[in-house]
Amino acid sequence: AAQWQPEPFIQVGALIALRHHERYDGSGYPDGLVGEAIPLEARIVAVADVFDALISPRPYKEAWTMEATLAYLYAQRGRLFDPRCVDALMRGHQQLMDICAQHSTASTRPGG
């Protein structure tokens, strides 16, 4: 009998979960992968994850401003993050914020 294989969507999700804390300069974990050795999906999610963490309020911190968030991401371009992924976010951040605003409600926002 053929060995069971997870669906491709699940495989990509598992890959992202494993690799999104790798850093472009090799300083991340779990394996210290560098640059293009990090799967593109994980490089994209790494930028999105930090963007969301900074721009959103948390119980332990206030939300950063958009300007401060973008400045931080740009400063880490080529260090922590793939420069192309940061550039893509810079080009599309307003559309991303518009989409989030369209789909957010008081019951889904932190503290709402």
PDB file of N, CA and C in Angstrom:
ATOM      1  N   ALA A   1       0.838  -1.187   0.000  1.00  0.00           N
ATOM      2  CA  ALA A   1       0.000   0.000   0.000  1.00  0.00           C
ATOM      3  C   ALA A   1       0.878   1.244   0.000  1.00  0.00           C
ATOM      4  N   ALA A   2       0.385   2.274  -0.651  1.00  0.00           N
ATOM      5  CA  ALA A   2       1.118   3.538  -0.722  1.00  0.00           C
ATOM      6  C   ALA A   2       1.158   4.201   0.646  1.00  0.00           C
ATOM      7  N   GLN A   3       2.289   4.818   0.938  1.00  0.00           N
ATOM      8  CA  GLN A   3       2.423   5.526   2.210  1.00  0.00           C
ATOM      9  C   GLN A   3       1.598   6.813   2.161  1.00  0.00           C
ATOM     10  N   TRP A   4       0.903   7.109   3.256  1.00  0.00           N
ATOM     11  CA  TRP A   4       0.085   8.313   3.340  1.00  0.00           C
ATOM     12  C   TRP A   4       0.967   9.551   3.304  1.00  0.00           C
ATOM     13  N   GLN A   5       0.556  10.540   2.549  1.00  0.00           N
ATOM     14  CA  GLN A   5       1.247  11.822   2.473  1.00  0.00           C
ATOM     15  C   GLN A   5       0.268  12.932   2.834  1.00  0.00           C
ATOM     16  N   PRO A   6       0.678  13.888   3.634  1.00  0.00           N
ATOM     17  CA  PRO A   6      -0.231  14.996   3.946  1.00  0.00           C
ATOM     18  C   PRO A   6      -0.518  15.818   2.697  1.00  0.00           C
ATOM     19  N   GLU A   7      -1.648  16.490   2.704  1.00  0.00           N
ATOM     20  CA  GLU A   7      -2.013  17.368   1.599  1.00  0.00           C
ATOM     21  C   GLU A   7      -0.937  18.444   1.420  1.00  0.00           C
ATOM     22  N   PRO A   8      -0.722  18.899   0.187  1.00  0.00           N
ATOM     23  CA  PRO A   8       0.286  19.945  -0.042  1.00  0.00           C
ATOM     24  C   PRO A   8       0.074  21.187   0.824  1.00  0.00           C
ATOM     25  N   PHE A   9      -1.176  21.575   1.037  1.00  0.00           N
ATOM     26  CA  PHE A   9      -1.464  22.738   1.873  1.00  0.00           C
ATOM     27  C   PHE A   9      -0.932  22.531   3.288  1.00  0.00           C
ATOM     28  N   ILE A  10      -1.119  21.327   3.819  1.00  0.00           N
ATOM     29  CA  ILE A  10      -0.626  21.000   5.164  1.00  0.00           C
ATOM     30  C   ILE A  10       0.897  20.992   5.170  1.00  0.00           C
ATOM     31  N   GLN A  11       1.501  20.482   4.111  1.00  0.00           N
ATOM     32  CA  GLN A  11       2.962  20.460   4.023  1.00  0.00           C
ATOM     33  C   GLN A  11       3.534  21.875   4.040  1.00  0.00           C
ATOM     34  N   VAL A  12       2.914  22.780   3.294  1.00  0.00           N
ATOM     35  CA  VAL A  12       3.380  24.168   3.267  1.00  0.00           C
ATOM     36  C   VAL A  12       3.203  24.802   4.645  1.00  0.00           C
ATOM     37  N   GLY A  13       2.064  24.560   5.278  1.00  0.00           N
ATOM     38  CA  GLY A  13       1.834  25.093   6.621  1.00  0.00           C
ATOM     39  C   GLY A  13       2.869  24.603   7.615  1.00  0.00           C
ATOM     40  N   ALA A  14       3.201  23.333   7.535  1.00  0.00           N
ATOM     41  CA  ALA A  14       4.209  22.769   8.435  1.00  0.00           C
ATOM     42  C   ALA A  14       5.583  23.386   8.170  1.00  0.00           C
ATOM     43  N   LEU A  15       5.903  23.588   6.899  1.00  0.00           N
ATOM     44  CA  LEU A  15       7.175  24.203   6.529  1.00  0.00           C
ATOM     45  C   LEU A  15       7.263  25.633   7.070  1.00  0.00           C
ATOM     46  N   ILE A  16       6.184  26.386   6.924  1.00  0.00           N
ATOM     47  CA  ILE A  16       6.156  27.759   7.441  1.00  0.00           C
ATOM     48  C   ILE A  16       6.310  27.757   8.956  1.00  0.00           C
ATOM     49  N   ALA A  17       5.570  26.883   9.632  1.00  0.00           N
ATOM     50  CA  ALA A  17       5.656  26.811  11.094  1.00  0.00           C
ATOM     51  C   ALA A  17       7.082  26.502  11.544  1.00  0.00           C
ATOM     52  N   LEU A  18       7.755  25.620  10.830  1.00  0.00           N
ATOM     53  CA  LEU A  18       9.117  25.229  11.184  1.00  0.00           C
ATOM     54  C   LEU A  18      10.131  26.332  10.911  1.00  0.00           C
ATOM     55  N   ARG A  19       9.978  27.046   9.808  1.00  0.00           N
ATOM     56  CA  ARG A  19      11.043  27.924   9.317  1.00  0.00           C
ATOM     57  C   ARG A  19      10.828  29.423   9.480  1.00  0.00           C
ATOM     58  N   HIS A  20       9.668  29.879   9.959  1.00  0.00           N
ATOM     59  CA  HIS A  20       9.432  31.326   9.958  1.00  0.00           C
ATOM     60  C   HIS A  20      10.238  32.096  11.005  1.00  0.00           C
ATOM     61  N   HIS A  21      10.968  31.394  11.868  1.00  0.00           N
ATOM     62  CA  HIS A  21      11.878  32.076  12.799  1.00  0.00           C
ATOM     63  C   HIS A  21      13.331  31.999  12.343  1.00  0.00           C
ATOM     64  N   GLU A  22      13.566  31.443  11.167  1.00  0.00           N
ATOM     65  CA  GLU A  22      14.895  31.539  10.565  1.00  0.00           C
ATOM     66  C   GLU A  22      15.083  33.001  10.161  1.00  0.00           C
ATOM     67  N   ARG A  23      16.296  33.487  10.155  1.00  0.00           N
ATOM     68  CA  ARG A  23      16.573  34.879   9.808  1.00  0.00           C
ATOM     69  C   ARG A  23      17.501  34.932   8.602  1.00  0.00           C
ATOM     70  N   TYR A  24      17.285  35.913   7.771  1.00  0.00           N
ATOM     71  CA  TYR A  24      17.981  36.013   6.491  1.00  0.00           C
ATOM     72  C   TYR A  24      19.500  35.961   6.654  1.00  0.00           C
ATOM     73  N   ASP A  25      20.014  36.509   7.749  1.00  0.00           N
ATOM     74  CA  ASP A  25      21.460  36.523   7.986  1.00  0.00           C
ATOM     75  C   ASP A  25      21.969  35.266   8.688  1.00  0.00           C
ATOM     76  N   GLY A  26      21.084  34.304   8.947  1.00  0.00           N
ATOM     77  CA  GLY A  26      21.491  33.056   9.584  1.00  0.00           C
ATOM     78  C   GLY A  26      21.386  33.058  11.096  1.00  0.00           C
ATOM     79  N   SER A  27      20.910  34.143  11.686  1.00  0.00           N
ATOM     80  CA  SER A  27      20.855  34.245  13.147  1.00  0.00           C
ATOM     81  C   SER A  27      19.596  33.636  13.761  1.00  0.00           C
ATOM     82  N   GLY A  28      18.733  33.051  12.942  1.00  0.00           N
ATOM     83  CA  GLY A  28      17.470  32.514  13.452  1.00  0.00           C
ATOM     84  C   GLY A  28      17.565  31.066  13.894  1.00  0.00           C
ATOM     85  N   TYR A  29      16.415  30.488  14.103  1.00  0.00           N
ATOM     86  CA  TYR A  29      16.323  29.096  14.546  1.00  0.00           C
ATOM     87  C   TYR A  29      15.175  28.415  13.823  1.00  0.00           C
ATOM     88  N   PRO A  30      15.132  27.103  13.729  1.00  0.00           N
ATOM     89  CA  PRO A  30      15.897  26.140  14.521  1.00  0.00           C
ATOM     90  C   PRO A  30      17.258  25.764  13.937  1.00  0.00           C
ATOM     91  N   ASP A  31      17.528  26.071  12.666  1.00  0.00           N
ATOM     92  CA  ASP A  31      18.749  25.562  12.039  1.00  0.00           C
ATOM     93  C   ASP A  31      19.722  26.620  11.550  1.00  0.00           C
ATOM     94  N   GLY A  32      19.445  27.888  11.765  1.00  0.00           N
ATOM     95  CA  GLY A  32      20.361  28.931  11.318  1.00  0.00           C
ATOM     96  C   GLY A  32      20.518  29.001   9.811  1.00  0.00           C
ATOM     97  N   LEU A  33      19.442  28.705   9.084  1.00  0.00           N
ATOM     98  CA  LEU A  33      19.499  28.797   7.626  1.00  0.00           C
ATOM     99  C   LEU A  33      19.752  30.239   7.210  1.00  0.00           C
ATOM    100  N   VAL A  34      20.376  30.403   6.036  1.00  0.00           N
ATOM    101  CA  VAL A  34      20.754  31.724   5.542  1.00  0.00           C
ATOM    102  C   VAL A  34      20.088  31.990   4.199  1.00  0.00           C
ATOM    103  N   GLY A  35      19.576  33.199   4.023  1.00  0.00           N
ATOM    104  CA  GLY A  35      19.110  33.684   2.729  1.00  0.00           C
ATOM    105  C   GLY A  35      18.143  32.767   2.018  1.00  0.00           C
ATOM    106  N   GLU A  36      18.499  32.437   0.777  1.00  0.00           N
ATOM    107  CA  GLU A  36      17.634  31.642  -0.086  1.00  0.00           C
ATOM    108  C   GLU A  36      17.451  30.207   0.404  1.00  0.00           C
ATOM    109  N   ALA A  37      18.251  29.773   1.371  1.00  0.00           N
ATOM    110  CA  ALA A  37      18.056  28.432   1.939  1.00  0.00           C
ATOM    111  C   ALA A  37      16.770  28.367   2.760  1.00  0.00           C
ATOM    112  N   ILE A  38      16.281  29.521   3.179  1.00  0.00           N
ATOM    113  CA  ILE A  38      15.005  29.597   3.900  1.00  0.00           C
ATOM    114  C   ILE A  38      13.899  29.573   2.854  1.00  0.00           C
ATOM    115  N   PRO A  39      12.923  28.692   2.980  1.00  0.00           N
ATOM    116  CA  PRO A  39      11.843  28.652   1.987  1.00  0.00           C
ATOM    117  C   PRO A  39      11.156  30.014   1.857  1.00  0.00           C
ATOM    118  N   LEU A  40      10.827  30.376   0.621  1.00  0.00           N
ATOM    119  CA  LEU A  40      10.196  31.668   0.356  1.00  0.00           C
ATOM    120  C   LEU A  40       8.954  31.878   1.207  1.00  0.00           C
ATOM    121  N   GLU A  41       8.133  30.839   1.348  1.00  0.00           N
ATOM    122  CA  GLU A  41       6.906  30.958   2.144  1.00  0.00           C
ATOM    123  C   GLU A  41       7.222  31.398   3.569  1.00  0.00           C
ATOM    124  N   ALA A  42       8.276  30.850   4.139  1.00  0.00           N
ATOM    125  CA  ALA A  42       8.668  31.200   5.506  1.00  0.00           C
ATOM    126  C   ALA A  42       9.243  32.608   5.568  1.00  0.00           C
ATOM    127  N   ARG A  43       9.965  33.036   4.527  1.00  0.00           N
ATOM    128  CA  ARG A  43      10.498  34.401   4.495  1.00  0.00           C
ATOM    129  C   ARG A  43       9.369  35.425   4.431  1.00  0.00           C
ATOM    130  N   ILE A  44       8.331  35.114   3.675  1.00  0.00           N
ATOM    131  CA  ILE A  44       7.171  36.007   3.577  1.00  0.00           C
ATOM    132  C   ILE A  44       6.463  36.088   4.923  1.00  0.00           C
ATOM    133  N   VAL A  45       6.195  34.934   5.525  1.00  0.00           N
ATOM    134  CA  VAL A  45       5.480  34.904   6.804  1.00  0.00           C
ATOM    135  C   VAL A  45       6.314  35.543   7.913  1.00  0.00           C
ATOM    136  N   ALA A  46       7.623  35.432   7.867  1.00  0.00           N
ATOM    137  CA  ALA A  46       8.465  36.073   8.885  1.00  0.00           C
ATOM    138  C   ALA A  46       8.228  37.577   8.920  1.00  0.00           C
ATOM    139  N   VAL A  47       8.171  38.200   7.746  1.00  0.00           N
ATOM    140  CA  VAL A  47       7.920  39.642   7.681  1.00  0.00           C
ATOM    141  C   VAL A  47       6.500  39.951   8.150  1.00  0.00           C
ATOM    142  N   ALA A  48       5.537  39.182   7.668  1.00  0.00           N
ATOM    143  CA  ALA A  48       4.138  39.413   8.045  1.00  0.00           C
ATOM    144  C   ALA A  48       3.929  39.218   9.543  1.00  0.00           C
ATOM    145  N   ASP A  49       4.570  38.220  10.116  1.00  0.00           N
ATOM    146  CA  ASP A  49       4.428  37.927  11.545  1.00  0.00           C
ATOM    147  C   ASP A  49       4.951  39.082  12.397  1.00  0.00           C
ATOM    148  N   VAL A  50       6.125  39.588  12.062  1.00  0.00           N
ATOM    149  CA  VAL A  50       6.694  40.694  12.832  1.00  0.00           C
ATOM    150  C   VAL A  50       5.891  41.974  12.599  1.00  0.00           C
ATOM    151  N   PHE A  51       5.467  42.217  11.366  1.00  0.00           N
ATOM    152  CA  PHE A  51       4.607  43.370  11.081  1.00  0.00           C
ATOM    153  C   PHE A  51       3.376  43.336  11.983  1.00  0.00           C
ATOM    154  N   ASP A  52       2.694  42.200  12.011  1.00  0.00           N
ATOM    155  CA  ASP A  52       1.486  42.070  12.826  1.00  0.00           C
ATOM    156  C   ASP A  52       1.790  42.231  14.312  1.00  0.00           C
ATOM    157  N   ALA A  53       2.875  41.629  14.773  1.00  0.00           N
ATOM    158  CA  ALA A  53       3.232  41.718  16.192  1.00  0.00           C
ATOM    159  C   ALA A  53       3.518  43.159  16.606  1.00  0.00           C
ATOM    160  N   LEU A  54       4.162  43.916  15.737  1.00  0.00           N
ATOM    161  CA  LEU A  54       4.506  45.292  16.086  1.00  0.00           C
ATOM    162  C   LEU A  54       3.309  46.232  15.990  1.00  0.00           C
ATOM    163  N   ILE A  55       2.512  46.085  14.958  1.00  0.00           N
ATOM    164  CA  ILE A  55       1.413  47.022  14.696  1.00  0.00           C
ATOM    165  C   ILE A  55       0.206  46.776  15.608  1.00  0.00           C
ATOM    166  N   SER A  56       0.164  45.610  16.235  1.00  0.00           N
ATOM    167  CA  SER A  56      -0.983  45.231  17.067  1.00  0.00           C
ATOM    168  C   SER A  56      -0.690  45.451  18.545  1.00  0.00           C
ATOM    169  N   PRO A  57      -1.690  45.918  19.294  1.00  0.00           N
ATOM    170  CA  PRO A  57      -1.482  46.002  20.747  1.00  0.00           C
ATOM    171  C   PRO A  57      -1.438  44.600  21.343  1.00  0.00           C
ATOM    172  N   ARG A  58      -0.677  44.447  22.374  1.00  0.00           N
ATOM    173  CA  ARG A  58      -0.586  43.190  23.115  1.00  0.00           C
ATOM    174  C   ARG A  58      -0.762  43.518  24.593  1.00  0.00           C
ATOM    175  N   PRO A  59      -1.095  42.531  25.406  1.00  0.00           N
ATOM    176  CA  PRO A  59      -1.238  42.814  26.842  1.00  0.00           C
ATOM    177  C   PRO A  59       0.034  43.409  27.450  1.00  0.00           C
ATOM    178  N   TYR A  60       1.178  43.100  26.876  1.00  0.00           N
ATOM    179  CA  TYR A  60       2.457  43.539  27.425  1.00  0.00           C
ATOM    180  C   TYR A  60       3.061  44.738  26.700  1.00  0.00           C
ATOM    181  N   LYS A  61       2.382  45.273  25.646  1.00  0.00           N
ATOM    182  CA  LYS A  61       2.941  46.415  24.921  1.00  0.00           C
ATOM    183  C   LYS A  61       1.859  47.146  24.149  1.00  0.00           C
ATOM    184  N   GLU A  62       2.112  48.406  23.889  1.00  0.00           N
ATOM    185  CA  GLU A  62       1.242  49.195  23.028  1.00  0.00           C
ATOM    186  C   GLU A  62       1.549  48.863  21.570  1.00  0.00           C
ATOM    187  N   ALA A  63       0.607  49.129  20.700  1.00  0.00           N
ATOM    188  CA  ALA A  63       0.850  48.972  19.266  1.00  0.00           C
ATOM    189  C   ALA A  63       1.861  50.021  18.811  1.00  0.00           C
ATOM    190  N   TRP A  64       2.758  49.620  17.923  1.00  0.00           N
ATOM    191  CA  TRP A  64       3.673  50.573  17.316  1.00  0.00           C
ATOM    192  C   TRP A  64       2.912  51.347  16.246  1.00  0.00           C
ATOM    193  N   THR A  65       3.390  52.528  15.929  1.00  0.00           N
ATOM    194  CA  THR A  65       2.811  53.273  14.818  1.00  0.00           C
ATOM    195  C   THR A  65       3.212  52.597  13.512  1.00  0.00           C
ATOM    196  N   MET A  66       2.470  52.890  12.458  1.00  0.00           N
ATOM    197  CA  MET A  66       2.823  52.360  11.141  1.00  0.00           C
ATOM    198  C   MET A  66       4.225  52.830  10.755  1.00  0.00           C
ATOM    199  N   GLU A  67       4.521  54.086  11.017  1.00  0.00           N
ATOM    200  CA  GLU A  67       5.832  54.629  10.651  1.00  0.00           C
ATOM    201  C   GLU A  67       6.963  53.894  11.369  1.00  0.00           C
ATOM    202  N   ALA A  68       6.806  53.670  12.667  1.00  0.00           N
ATOM    203  CA  ALA A  68       7.839  52.973  13.437  1.00  0.00           C
ATOM    204  C   ALA A  68       7.974  51.524  12.983  1.00  0.00           C
ATOM    205  N   THR A  69       6.852  50.890  12.694  1.00  0.00           N
ATOM    206  CA  THR A  69       6.869  49.497  12.238  1.00  0.00           C
ATOM    207  C   THR A  69       7.601  49.377  10.909  1.00  0.00           C
ATOM    208  N   LEU A  70       7.244  50.217   9.961  1.00  0.00           N
ATOM    209  CA  LEU A  70       7.893  50.167   8.645  1.00  0.00           C
ATOM    210  C   LEU A  70       9.371  50.524   8.746  1.00  0.00           C
ATOM    211  N   ALA A  71       9.713  51.480   9.599  1.00  0.00           N
ATOM    212  CA  ALA A  71      11.120  51.846   9.782  1.00  0.00           C
ATOM    213  C   ALA A  71      11.919  50.674  10.348  1.00  0.00           C
ATOM    214  N   TYR A  72      11.343  49.960  11.320  1.00  0.00           N
ATOM    215  CA  TYR A  72      12.027  48.798  11.895  1.00  0.00           C
ATOM    216  C   TYR A  72      12.242  47.719  10.838  1.00  0.00           C
ATOM    217  N   LEU A  73      11.183  47.393  10.114  1.00  0.00           N
ATOM    218  CA  LEU A  73      11.301  46.356   9.089  1.00  0.00           C
ATOM    219  C   LEU A  73      12.340  46.751   8.047  1.00  0.00           C
ATOM    220  N   TYR A  74      12.340  48.002   7.639  1.00  0.00           N
ATOM    221  CA  TYR A  74      13.312  48.454   6.643  1.00  0.00           C
ATOM    222  C   TYR A  74      14.737  48.372   7.199  1.00  0.00           C
ATOM    223  N   ALA A  75      14.905  48.716   8.466  1.00  0.00           N
ATOM    224  CA  ALA A  75      16.228  48.653   9.090  1.00  0.00           C
ATOM    225  C   ALA A  75      16.750  47.219   9.164  1.00  0.00           C
ATOM    226  N   GLN A  76      15.845  46.243   9.226  1.00  0.00           N
ATOM    227  CA  GLN A  76      16.232  44.832   9.333  1.00  0.00           C
ATOM    228  C   GLN A  76      16.258  44.122   7.974  1.00  0.00           C
ATOM    229  N   ARG A  77      16.020  44.877   6.926  1.00  0.00           N
ATOM    230  CA  ARG A  77      16.035  44.376   5.549  1.00  0.00           C
ATOM    231  C   ARG A  77      17.452  43.877   5.239  1.00  0.00           C
ATOM    232  N   GLY A  78      17.562  42.594   4.844  1.00  0.00           N
ATOM    233  CA  GLY A  78      18.868  42.016   4.564  1.00  0.00           C
ATOM    234  C   GLY A  78      19.556  41.450   5.793  1.00  0.00           C
ATOM    235  N   ARG A  79      19.053  41.763   6.962  1.00  0.00           N
ATOM    236  CA  ARG A  79      19.575  41.202   8.208  1.00  0.00           C
ATOM    237  C   ARG A  79      18.633  40.091   8.665  1.00  0.00           C
ATOM    238  N   LEU A  80      17.502  40.512   9.244  1.00  0.00           N
ATOM    239  CA  LEU A  80      16.531  39.522   9.705  1.00  0.00           C
ATOM    240  C   LEU A  80      15.629  39.038   8.580  1.00  0.00           C
ATOM    241  N   PHE A  81      15.370  39.908   7.612  1.00  0.00           N
ATOM    242  CA  PHE A  81      14.346  39.627   6.604  1.00  0.00           C
ATOM    243  C   PHE A  81      14.890  39.707   5.185  1.00  0.00           C
ATOM    244  N   ASP A  82      14.287  38.910   4.314  1.00  0.00           N
ATOM    245  CA  ASP A  82      14.585  38.955   2.885  1.00  0.00           C
ATOM    246  C   ASP A  82      14.246  40.359   2.376  1.00  0.00           C
ATOM    247  N   PRO A  83      15.197  41.051   1.755  1.00  0.00           N
ATOM    248  CA  PRO A  83      14.920  42.401   1.262  1.00  0.00           C
ATOM    249  C   PRO A  83      13.726  42.466   0.313  1.00  0.00           C
ATOM    250  N   ARG A  84      13.552  41.456  -0.514  1.00  0.00           N
ATOM    251  CA  ARG A  84      12.423  41.473  -1.456  1.00  0.00           C
ATOM    252  C   ARG A  84      11.088  41.375  -0.732  1.00  0.00           C
ATOM    253  N   CYS A  85      11.039  40.633   0.355  1.00  0.00           N
ATOM    254  CA  CYS A  85       9.794  40.516   1.127  1.00  0.00           C
ATOM    255  C   CYS A  85       9.476  41.829   1.832  1.00  0.00           C
ATOM    256  N   VAL A  86      10.490  42.475   2.378  1.00  0.00           N
ATOM    257  CA  VAL A  86      10.278  43.780   3.013  1.00  0.00           C
ATOM    258  C   VAL A  86       9.818  44.788   1.969  1.00  0.00           C
ATOM    259  N   ASP A  87      10.463  44.789   0.806  1.00  0.00           N
ATOM    260  CA  ASP A  87      10.083  45.726  -0.252  1.00  0.00           C
ATOM    261  C   ASP A  87       8.636  45.512  -0.683  1.00  0.00           C
ATOM    262  N   ALA A  88       8.219  44.263  -0.782  1.00  0.00           N
ATOM    263  CA  ALA A  88       6.832  43.964  -1.166  1.00  0.00           C
ATOM    264  C   ALA A  88       5.861  44.505  -0.121  1.00  0.00           C
ATOM    265  N   LEU A  89       6.187  44.338   1.153  1.00  0.00           N
ATOM    266  CA  LEU A  89       5.329  44.879   2.208  1.00  0.00           C
ATOM    267  C   LEU A  89       5.290  46.401   2.141  1.00  0.00           C
ATOM    268  N   MET A  90       6.432  47.015   1.910  1.00  0.00           N
ATOM    269  CA  MET A  90       6.478  48.477   1.815  1.00  0.00           C
ATOM    270  C   MET A  90       5.566  48.974   0.694  1.00  0.00           C
ATOM    271  N   ARG A  91       5.595  48.279  -0.433  1.00  0.00           N
ATOM    272  CA  ARG A  91       4.757  48.681  -1.570  1.00  0.00           C
ATOM    273  C   ARG A  91       3.280  48.466  -1.287  1.00  0.00           C
ATOM    274  N   GLY A  92       2.930  47.422  -0.531  1.00  0.00           N
ATOM    275  CA  GLY A  92       1.530  47.058  -0.365  1.00  0.00           C
ATOM    276  C   GLY A  92       0.946  47.250   1.015  1.00  0.00           C
ATOM    277  N   HIS A  93       1.644  47.920   1.918  1.00  0.00           N
ATOM    278  CA  HIS A  93       1.157  47.984   3.303  1.00  0.00           C
ATOM    279  C   HIS A  93      -0.177  48.706   3.418  1.00  0.00           C
ATOM    280  N   GLN A  94      -0.430  49.710   2.611  1.00  0.00           N
ATOM    281  CA  GLN A  94      -1.703  50.419   2.730  1.00  0.00           C
ATOM    282  C   GLN A  94      -2.867  49.525   2.311  1.00  0.00           C
ATOM    283  N   GLN A  95      -2.689  48.761   1.245  1.00  0.00           N
ATOM    284  CA  GLN A  95      -3.735  47.826   0.830  1.00  0.00           C
ATOM    285  C   GLN A  95      -3.971  46.775   1.910  1.00  0.00           C
ATOM    286  N   LEU A  96      -2.911  46.307   2.529  1.00  0.00           N
ATOM    287  CA  LEU A  96      -3.037  45.333   3.611  1.00  0.00           C
ATOM    288  C   LEU A  96      -3.833  45.922   4.772  1.00  0.00           C
ATOM    289  N   MET A  97      -3.527  47.131   5.149  1.00  0.00           N
ATOM    290  CA  MET A  97      -4.245  47.768   6.249  1.00  0.00           C
ATOM    291  C   MET A  97      -5.712  47.995   5.886  1.00  0.00           C
ATOM    292  N   ASP A  98      -5.988  48.346   4.629  1.00  0.00           N
ATOM    293  CA  ASP A  98      -7.371  48.536   4.186  1.00  0.00           C
ATOM    294  C   ASP A  98      -8.161  47.235   4.286  1.00  0.00           C
ATOM    295  N   ILE A  99      -7.556  46.140   3.866  1.00  0.00           N
ATOM    296  CA  ILE A  99      -8.213  44.830   3.939  1.00  0.00           C
ATOM    297  C   ILE A  99      -8.480  44.461   5.397  1.00  0.00           C
ATOM    298  N   CYS A 100      -7.491  44.661   6.255  1.00  0.00           N
ATOM    299  CA  CYS A 100      -7.677  44.357   7.682  1.00  0.00           C
ATOM    300  C   CYS A 100      -8.804  45.190   8.270  1.00  0.00           C
ATOM    301  N   ALA A 101      -8.858  46.463   7.922  1.00  0.00           N
ATOM    302  CA  ALA A 101      -9.904  47.341   8.451  1.00  0.00           C
ATOM    303  C   ALA A 101     -11.285  46.901   7.983  1.00  0.00           C
ATOM    304  N   GLN A 102     -11.388  46.438   6.752  1.00  0.00           N
ATOM    305  CA  GLN A 102     -12.674  45.983   6.216  1.00  0.00           C
ATOM    306  C   GLN A 102     -13.188  44.758   6.952  1.00  0.00           C
ATOM    307  N   HIS A 103     -12.280  43.928   7.435  1.00  0.00           N
ATOM    308  CA  HIS A 103     -12.675  42.662   8.043  1.00  0.00           C
ATOM    309  C   HIS A 103     -12.609  42.665   9.560  1.00  0.00           C
ATOM    310  N   SER A 104     -12.241  43.782  10.160  1.00  0.00           N
ATOM    311  CA  SER A 104     -12.155  43.794  11.619  1.00  0.00           C
ATOM    312  C   SER A 104     -13.461  44.310  12.208  1.00  0.00           C
ATOM    313  N   THR A 105     -13.771  43.778  13.368  1.00  0.00           N
ATOM    314  CA  THR A 105     -14.932  44.237  14.132  1.00  0.00           C
ATOM    315  C   THR A 105     -14.492  44.407  15.568  1.00  0.00           C
ATOM    316  N   ALA A 106     -15.295  45.061  16.350  1.00  0.00           N
ATOM    317  CA  ALA A 106     -14.939  45.263  17.762  1.00  0.00           C
ATOM    318  C   ALA A 106     -14.737  43.942  18.481  1.00  0.00           C
ATOM    319  N   SER A 107     -15.478  42.910  18.092  1.00  0.00           N
ATOM    320  CA  SER A 107     -15.362  41.629  18.792  1.00  0.00           C
ATOM    321  C   SER A 107     -14.105  40.861  18.407  1.00  0.00           C
ATOM    322  N   THR A 108     -13.451  41.218  17.283  1.00  0.00           N
ATOM    323  CA  THR A 108     -12.252  40.493  16.881  1.00  0.00           C
ATOM    324  C   THR A 108     -10.981  41.267  17.169  1.00  0.00           C
ATOM    325  N   ARG A 109     -11.077  42.538  17.500  1.00  0.00           N
ATOM    326  CA  ARG A 109      -9.891  43.323  17.824  1.00  0.00           C
ATOM    327  C   ARG A 109      -9.482  43.046  19.263  1.00  0.00           C
ATOM    328  N   PRO A 110      -8.168  43.060  19.517  1.00  0.00           N
ATOM    329  CA  PRO A 110      -7.729  42.880  20.901  1.00  0.00           C
ATOM    330  C   PRO A 110      -8.375  43.931  21.795  1.00  0.00           C
ATOM    331  N   GLY A 111      -8.894  43.493  22.919  1.00  0.00           N
ATOM    332  CA  GLY A 111      -9.527  44.397  23.859  1.00  0.00           C
ATOM    333  C   GLY A 111     -10.929  44.822  23.460  1.00  0.00           C
ATOM    334  N   GLY A 112     -11.440  44.296  22.322  1.00  0.00           N
ATOM    335  CA  GLY A 112     -12.742  44.732  21.811  1.00  0.00           C
ATOM    336  C   GLY A 112     -13.881  43.872  22.225  1.00  0.00           C
TER     337      GLY A 112
END
